[in-house]
Amino acid sequence: MITNKDAEEFEKMIDKIKPMSTDITMPRGPNDLEEVISVLETRNKYLHKHVEKLTEEVQVLREDNVKLAKQIDDKVRKMREVGAI
């Protein structure tokens, strides 16, 4: 799950990237491409880190899902043995 802290970090990252949008013009100069590259590299690093967190979370949820499915199967089997179902 995404925590409030993660959401706030993501919002800060988006705020940093907003000047890159087409409706806001950045000042042009000899270092404008270096600035764009720097912003994109920062964004790329953050997004890779975020994807890793989400991948780990998905893995944990899948493991939990398997455990819960097994628990349900066990409970249903026990209820059938008793004759409740």
C-alpha atoms as a PDB file:
ATOM      1  CA  MET A   1       0.000   0.000   0.000  1.00  0.00           C
ATOM      2  CA  ILE A   2       1.068   3.552  -0.562  1.00  0.00           C
ATOM      3  CA  THR A   3       1.505   5.389   2.698  1.00  0.00           C
ATOM      4  CA  ASN A   4       0.782   9.052   3.251  1.00  0.00           C
ATOM      5  CA  LYS A   5       4.522   9.680   3.293  1.00  0.00           C
ATOM      6  CA  ASP A   6       4.918   7.976  -0.107  1.00  0.00           C
ATOM      7  CA  ALA A   7       2.043  10.026  -1.507  1.00  0.00           C
ATOM      8  CA  GLU A   8       3.590  13.250  -0.219  1.00  0.00           C
ATOM      9  CA  GLU A   9       6.969  12.339  -1.742  1.00  0.00           C
ATOM     10  CA  PHE A  10       5.272  11.572  -5.048  1.00  0.00           C
ATOM     11  CA  GLU A  11       3.443  14.899  -4.952  1.00  0.00           C
ATOM     12  CA  LYS A  12       6.713  16.743  -4.286  1.00  0.00           C
ATOM     13  CA  MET A  13       8.327  14.950  -7.217  1.00  0.00           C
ATOM     14  CA  ILE A  14       5.409  15.923  -9.468  1.00  0.00           C
ATOM     15  CA  ASP A  15       5.702  19.544  -8.322  1.00  0.00           C
ATOM     16  CA  LYS A  16       9.373  19.511  -9.323  1.00  0.00           C
ATOM     17  CA  ILE A  17       8.480  18.142 -12.744  1.00  0.00           C
ATOM     18  CA  LYS A  18       5.639  20.569 -13.452  1.00  0.00           C
ATOM     19  CA  PRO A  19       7.988  23.167 -14.989  1.00  0.00           C
ATOM     20  CA  MET A  20       8.720  20.535 -17.630  1.00  0.00           C
ATOM     21  CA  SER A  21       5.157  20.643 -18.936  1.00  0.00           C
ATOM     22  CA  THR A  22       4.530  22.261 -22.298  1.00  0.00           C
ATOM     23  CA  ASP A  23       2.267  25.018 -20.978  1.00  0.00           C
ATOM     24  CA  ILE A  24       5.060  26.460 -18.828  1.00  0.00           C
ATOM     25  CA  THR A  25       8.107  27.630 -20.719  1.00  0.00           C
ATOM     26  CA  MET A  26      11.504  27.181 -19.141  1.00  0.00           C
ATOM     27  CA  PRO A  27      14.175  29.809 -19.616  1.00  0.00           C
ATOM     28  CA  ARG A  28      16.386  28.977 -22.592  1.00  0.00           C
ATOM     29  CA  GLY A  29      20.112  29.122 -22.279  1.00  0.00           C
ATOM     30  CA  PRO A  30      23.290  27.138 -22.759  1.00  0.00           C
ATOM     31  CA  ASN A  31      22.466  24.781 -19.876  1.00  0.00           C
ATOM     32  CA  ASP A  32      18.792  24.169 -20.609  1.00  0.00           C
ATOM     33  CA  LEU A  33      19.369  20.635 -21.924  1.00  0.00           C
ATOM     34  CA  GLU A  34      21.512  19.765 -18.916  1.00  0.00           C
ATOM     35  CA  GLU A  35      18.676  20.922 -16.665  1.00  0.00           C
ATOM     36  CA  VAL A  36      16.148  18.835 -18.595  1.00  0.00           C
ATOM     37  CA  ILE A  37      18.444  15.802 -18.409  1.00  0.00           C
ATOM     38  CA  SER A  38      18.955  16.326 -14.686  1.00  0.00           C
ATOM     39  CA  VAL A  39      15.209  16.565 -14.029  1.00  0.00           C
ATOM     40  CA  LEU A  40      14.508  13.483 -16.138  1.00  0.00           C
ATOM     41  CA  GLU A  41      17.250  11.471 -14.414  1.00  0.00           C
ATOM     42  CA  THR A  42      15.859  12.431 -11.016  1.00  0.00           C
ATOM     43  CA  ARG A  43      12.363  11.518 -12.131  1.00  0.00           C
ATOM     44  CA  ASN A  44      13.594   8.208 -13.558  1.00  0.00           C
ATOM     45  CA  LYS A  45      15.364   7.265 -10.314  1.00  0.00           C
ATOM     46  CA  TYR A  46      12.301   8.113  -8.243  1.00  0.00           C
ATOM     47  CA  LEU A  47       9.956   6.190 -10.511  1.00  0.00           C
ATOM     48  CA  HIS A  48      12.210   3.126 -10.527  1.00  0.00           C
ATOM     49  CA  LYS A  49      12.287   3.202  -6.728  1.00  0.00           C
ATOM     50  CA  HIS A  50       8.508   3.572  -6.638  1.00  0.00           C
ATOM     51  CA  VAL A  51       8.036   0.649  -9.039  1.00  0.00           C
ATOM     52  CA  GLU A  52      10.289  -1.511  -6.844  1.00  0.00           C
ATOM     53  CA  LYS A  53       8.134  -0.704  -3.811  1.00  0.00           C
ATOM     54  CA  LEU A  54       4.970  -1.545  -5.731  1.00  0.00           C
ATOM     55  CA  THR A  55       6.480  -4.787  -7.029  1.00  0.00           C
ATOM     56  CA  GLU A  56       7.379  -5.843  -3.486  1.00  0.00           C
ATOM     57  CA  GLU A  57       3.881  -4.951  -2.319  1.00  0.00           C
ATOM     58  CA  VAL A  58       2.290  -7.004  -5.102  1.00  0.00           C
ATOM     59  CA  GLN A  59       4.464  -9.985  -4.163  1.00  0.00           C
ATOM     60  CA  VAL A  60       3.408  -9.742  -0.510  1.00  0.00           C
ATOM     61  CA  LEU A  61      -0.254  -9.452  -1.498  1.00  0.00           C
ATOM     62  CA  ARG A  62       0.012 -12.505  -3.750  1.00  0.00           C
ATOM     63  CA  GLU A  63       1.576 -14.527  -0.934  1.00  0.00           C
ATOM     64  CA  ASP A  64      -1.164 -13.379   1.449  1.00  0.00           C
ATOM     65  CA  ASN A  65      -3.795 -14.292  -1.121  1.00  0.00           C
ATOM     66  CA  VAL A  66      -2.422 -17.830  -1.405  1.00  0.00           C
ATOM     67  CA  LYS A  67      -2.405 -18.177   2.401  1.00  0.00           C
ATOM     68  CA  LEU A  68      -5.974 -16.893   2.693  1.00  0.00           C
ATOM     69  CA  ALA A  69      -7.201 -19.213  -0.068  1.00  0.00           C
ATOM     70  CA  LYS A  70      -5.641 -22.159   1.759  1.00  0.00           C
ATOM     71  CA  GLN A  71      -7.258 -21.092   5.034  1.00  0.00           C
ATOM     72  CA  ILE A  72     -10.662 -20.858   3.368  1.00  0.00           C
ATOM     73  CA  ASP A  73     -10.230 -24.276   1.763  1.00  0.00           C
ATOM     74  CA  ASP A  74      -9.311 -25.750   5.158  1.00  0.00           C
ATOM     75  CA  LYS A  75     -12.335 -24.146   6.867  1.00  0.00           C
ATOM     76  CA  VAL A  76     -14.730 -25.317   4.144  1.00  0.00           C
ATOM     77  CA  ARG A  77     -13.271 -28.844   4.273  1.00  0.00           C
ATOM     78  CA  LYS A  78     -13.717 -28.950   8.072  1.00  0.00           C
ATOM     79  CA  MET A  79     -17.301 -27.693   7.780  1.00  0.00           C
ATOM     80  CA  ARG A  80     -18.049 -30.410   5.205  1.00  0.00           C
ATOM     81  CA  GLU A  81     -16.550 -33.068   7.454  1.00  0.00           C
ATOM     82  CA  VAL A  82     -18.766 -31.926  10.310  1.00  0.00           C
ATOM     83  CA  GLY A  83     -21.793 -31.841   8.020  1.00  0.00           C
ATOM     84  CA  ALA A  84     -22.481 -28.142   8.306  1.00  0.00           C
ATOM     85  CA  ILE A  85     -22.370 -27.794   4.540  1.00  0.00           C
END
